[in-house]
Amino acid sequence: MRGVKGGMGAVYKAFKNGECDAFVVRTSFYQNVMSEEDRQELKIVYTSDAMPNQSISVSSRLTSQERSKLRQALLSEAGTQALQPTLNRFASKAKRFIATDNAEFKDYNTLLEGVIFGW
């Protein structure tokens, strides 16, 4: 396994150039970016269940009042406007943050344990 910098397009390009034997790609890239011709050349060997996308988590060191205040700010109109550059950069189709809870992320912590960047 190796990482390819430059996003899904670069990953697919590396595969097409013979730099790897297989690749992992998001369903949205496969369906919305790749051409029908490109898709016809591929064999899907596994499709995983959908997982939650990017999110913001808050430390348990904050009080429940502080967490609530932060959540309300992020979900507010003013918060959406202030964070529009972040949405544009990391979720270009997202218009705003959406509320979620711990149940939606149950057991996904096992994918992140031991990762020291970005979490």
C-alpha atoms as a PDB file:
ATOM      1  CA  MET A   1       0.000   0.000   0.000  1.00  0.00           C
ATOM      2  CA  ARG A   2       1.109   3.521  -0.666  1.00  0.00           C
ATOM      3  CA  GLY A   3      -0.401   6.945  -0.471  1.00  0.00           C
ATOM      4  CA  VAL A   4      -0.852   9.097  -3.557  1.00  0.00           C
ATOM      5  CA  LYS A   5      -0.975  12.847  -3.079  1.00  0.00           C
ATOM      6  CA  GLY A   6      -3.382  14.951  -5.083  1.00  0.00           C
ATOM      7  CA  GLY A   7      -6.807  13.512  -4.357  1.00  0.00           C
ATOM      8  CA  MET A   8      -8.925  10.871  -6.040  1.00  0.00           C
ATOM      9  CA  GLY A   9      -7.995  12.058  -9.532  1.00  0.00           C
ATOM     10  CA  ALA A  10      -4.311  11.493  -8.828  1.00  0.00           C
ATOM     11  CA  VAL A  11      -5.047   8.072  -7.346  1.00  0.00           C
ATOM     12  CA  TYR A  12      -6.957   7.028 -10.455  1.00  0.00           C
ATOM     13  CA  LYS A  13      -4.222   8.439 -12.713  1.00  0.00           C
ATOM     14  CA  ALA A  14      -1.593   6.405 -10.832  1.00  0.00           C
ATOM     15  CA  PHE A  15      -3.705   3.284 -11.358  1.00  0.00           C
ATOM     16  CA  LYS A  16      -4.175   3.978 -15.074  1.00  0.00           C
ATOM     17  CA  ASN A  17      -0.437   4.605 -15.456  1.00  0.00           C
ATOM     18  CA  GLY A  18       0.311   1.175 -14.009  1.00  0.00           C
ATOM     19  CA  GLU A  19       1.841   2.511 -10.803  1.00  0.00           C
ATOM     20  CA  CYS A  20      -0.438   0.257  -8.733  1.00  0.00           C
ATOM     21  CA  ASP A  21      -2.523  -2.866  -9.235  1.00  0.00           C
ATOM     22  CA  ALA A  22      -5.638  -1.660  -7.436  1.00  0.00           C
ATOM     23  CA  PHE A  23      -7.025   1.483  -5.839  1.00  0.00           C
ATOM     24  CA  VAL A  24      -9.651   2.638  -3.374  1.00  0.00           C
ATOM     25  CA  VAL A  25     -12.008   5.369  -4.481  1.00  0.00           C
ATOM     26  CA  ARG A  26     -15.056   7.065  -3.039  1.00  0.00           C
ATOM     27  CA  THR A  27     -18.394   6.163  -4.553  1.00  0.00           C
ATOM     28  CA  SER A  28     -19.053   9.830  -5.328  1.00  0.00           C
ATOM     29  CA  PHE A  29     -15.836  10.030  -7.389  1.00  0.00           C
ATOM     30  CA  TYR A  30     -16.648   6.790  -9.197  1.00  0.00           C
ATOM     31  CA  GLN A  31     -20.207   7.842 -10.016  1.00  0.00           C
ATOM     32  CA  ASN A  32     -19.828  11.588 -10.578  1.00  0.00           C
ATOM     33  CA  VAL A  33     -16.313  12.182 -11.868  1.00  0.00           C
ATOM     34  CA  MET A  34     -15.222   9.109 -13.773  1.00  0.00           C
ATOM     35  CA  SER A  35     -16.581   8.662 -17.286  1.00  0.00           C
ATOM     36  CA  GLU A  36     -18.746   5.715 -18.221  1.00  0.00           C
ATOM     37  CA  GLU A  37     -15.906   4.487 -20.407  1.00  0.00           C
ATOM     38  CA  ASP A  38     -13.468   4.569 -17.479  1.00  0.00           C
ATOM     39  CA  ARG A  39     -15.947   2.784 -15.220  1.00  0.00           C
ATOM     40  CA  GLN A  40     -16.451   0.031 -17.805  1.00  0.00           C
ATOM     41  CA  GLU A  41     -12.727  -0.760 -17.699  1.00  0.00           C
ATOM     42  CA  LEU A  42     -12.800  -1.482 -13.957  1.00  0.00           C
ATOM     43  CA  LYS A  43     -13.812  -4.430 -11.847  1.00  0.00           C
ATOM     44  CA  ILE A  44     -15.196  -3.555  -8.435  1.00  0.00           C
ATOM     45  CA  VAL A  45     -14.027  -6.140  -5.936  1.00  0.00           C
ATOM     46  CA  TYR A  46     -15.626  -4.671  -2.830  1.00  0.00           C
ATOM     47  CA  THR A  47     -18.080  -1.926  -1.925  1.00  0.00           C
ATOM     48  CA  SER A  48     -18.136  -0.992   1.740  1.00  0.00           C
ATOM     49  CA  ASP A  49     -21.035   0.384   3.685  1.00  0.00           C
ATOM     50  CA  ALA A  50     -21.272   4.153   3.604  1.00  0.00           C
ATOM     51  CA  MET A  51     -19.561   5.953   6.459  1.00  0.00           C
ATOM     52  CA  PRO A  52     -20.049   9.424   7.860  1.00  0.00           C
ATOM     53  CA  ASN A  53     -17.981  12.028   6.103  1.00  0.00           C
ATOM     54  CA  GLN A  54     -15.859  14.712   7.721  1.00  0.00           C
ATOM     55  CA  SER A  55     -16.914  15.984  11.094  1.00  0.00           C
ATOM     56  CA  ILE A  56     -15.853  18.143  13.982  1.00  0.00           C
ATOM     57  CA  SER A  57     -15.543  16.567  17.394  1.00  0.00           C
ATOM     58  CA  VAL A  58     -15.240  18.278  20.754  1.00  0.00           C
ATOM     59  CA  SER A  59     -13.138  17.275  23.707  1.00  0.00           C
ATOM     60  CA  SER A  60     -14.858  15.810  26.738  1.00  0.00           C
ATOM     61  CA  ARG A  61     -12.855  18.354  28.736  1.00  0.00           C
ATOM     62  CA  LEU A  62     -15.417  20.975  27.718  1.00  0.00           C
ATOM     63  CA  THR A  63     -18.510  21.221  29.851  1.00  0.00           C
ATOM     64  CA  SER A  64     -21.842  20.240  28.333  1.00  0.00           C
ATOM     65  CA  GLN A  65     -22.755  23.959  28.280  1.00  0.00           C
ATOM     66  CA  GLU A  66     -19.574  24.796  26.377  1.00  0.00           C
ATOM     67  CA  ARG A  67     -20.157  21.954  23.903  1.00  0.00           C
ATOM     68  CA  SER A  68     -23.734  23.083  23.373  1.00  0.00           C
ATOM     69  CA  LYS A  69     -22.677  26.673  22.801  1.00  0.00           C
ATOM     70  CA  LEU A  70     -20.060  25.611  20.258  1.00  0.00           C
ATOM     71  CA  ARG A  71     -22.543  23.328  18.483  1.00  0.00           C
ATOM     72  CA  GLN A  72     -25.144  26.110  18.269  1.00  0.00           C
ATOM     73  CA  ALA A  73     -22.526  28.504  16.892  1.00  0.00           C
ATOM     74  CA  LEU A  74     -21.414  26.072  14.176  1.00  0.00           C
ATOM     75  CA  LEU A  75     -24.995  25.358  13.137  1.00  0.00           C
ATOM     76  CA  SER A  76     -26.097  29.011  13.131  1.00  0.00           C
ATOM     77  CA  GLU A  77     -26.357  31.213  10.060  1.00  0.00           C
ATOM     78  CA  ALA A  78     -23.471  33.365  11.323  1.00  0.00           C
ATOM     79  CA  GLY A  79     -21.363  30.259  11.909  1.00  0.00           C
ATOM     80  CA  THR A  80     -22.117  28.993   8.419  1.00  0.00           C
ATOM     81  CA  GLN A  81     -21.067  32.313   6.905  1.00  0.00           C
ATOM     82  CA  ALA A  82     -17.873  32.468   8.982  1.00  0.00           C
ATOM     83  CA  LEU A  83     -16.905  28.929   8.048  1.00  0.00           C
ATOM     84  CA  GLN A  84     -17.869  29.084   4.364  1.00  0.00           C
ATOM     85  CA  PRO A  85     -14.212  28.933   3.248  1.00  0.00           C
ATOM     86  CA  THR A  86     -13.792  25.744   5.277  1.00  0.00           C
ATOM     87  CA  LEU A  87     -16.911  24.226   3.727  1.00  0.00           C
ATOM     88  CA  ASN A  88     -15.740  25.235   0.247  1.00  0.00           C
ATOM     89  CA  ARG A  89     -12.329  23.662   0.818  1.00  0.00           C
ATOM     90  CA  PHE A  90     -13.339  20.387   2.445  1.00  0.00           C
ATOM     91  CA  ALA A  91     -16.942  19.829   1.356  1.00  0.00           C
ATOM     92  CA  SER A  92     -17.523  21.850  -1.800  1.00  0.00           C
ATOM     93  CA  LYS A  93     -21.129  20.744  -2.214  1.00  0.00           C
ATOM     94  CA  ALA A  94     -22.078  21.317   1.431  1.00  0.00           C
ATOM     95  CA  LYS A  95     -24.086  24.435   2.144  1.00  0.00           C
ATOM     96  CA  ARG A  96     -23.839  24.202   5.918  1.00  0.00           C
ATOM     97  CA  PHE A  97     -22.854  21.969   8.798  1.00  0.00           C
ATOM     98  CA  ILE A  98     -25.411  19.409   9.901  1.00  0.00           C
ATOM     99  CA  ALA A  99     -26.023  18.164  13.416  1.00  0.00           C
ATOM    100  CA  THR A 100     -25.113  14.618  14.366  1.00  0.00           C
ATOM    101  CA  ASP A 101     -24.537  12.631  17.527  1.00  0.00           C
ATOM    102  CA  ASN A 102     -22.223   9.969  18.883  1.00  0.00           C
ATOM    103  CA  ALA A 103     -24.494   7.137  17.736  1.00  0.00           C
ATOM    104  CA  GLU A 104     -23.777   7.943  14.068  1.00  0.00           C
ATOM    105  CA  PHE A 105     -20.073   7.403  14.721  1.00  0.00           C
ATOM    106  CA  LYS A 106     -20.348   4.313  16.928  1.00  0.00           C
ATOM    107  CA  ASP A 107     -17.296   2.074  16.559  1.00  0.00           C
ATOM    108  CA  TYR A 108     -15.626   4.277  13.935  1.00  0.00           C
ATOM    109  CA  ASN A 109     -13.124   5.320  16.576  1.00  0.00           C
ATOM    110  CA  THR A 110     -11.360   2.015  15.903  1.00  0.00           C
ATOM    111  CA  LEU A 111     -10.418   3.317  12.450  1.00  0.00           C
ATOM    112  CA  LEU A 112      -8.757   6.374  13.950  1.00  0.00           C
ATOM    113  CA  GLU A 113      -6.954   4.947  16.955  1.00  0.00           C
ATOM    114  CA  GLY A 114      -3.219   5.266  16.557  1.00  0.00           C
ATOM    115  CA  VAL A 115      -3.536   7.920  13.835  1.00  0.00           C
ATOM    116  CA  ILE A 116      -1.611  11.000  14.853  1.00  0.00           C
ATOM    117  CA  PHE A 117      -2.715  13.536  12.253  1.00  0.00           C
ATOM    118  CA  GLY A 118      -5.995  15.173  11.418  1.00  0.00           C
ATOM    119  CA  TRP A 119      -8.133  13.623  14.096  1.00  0.00           C
END
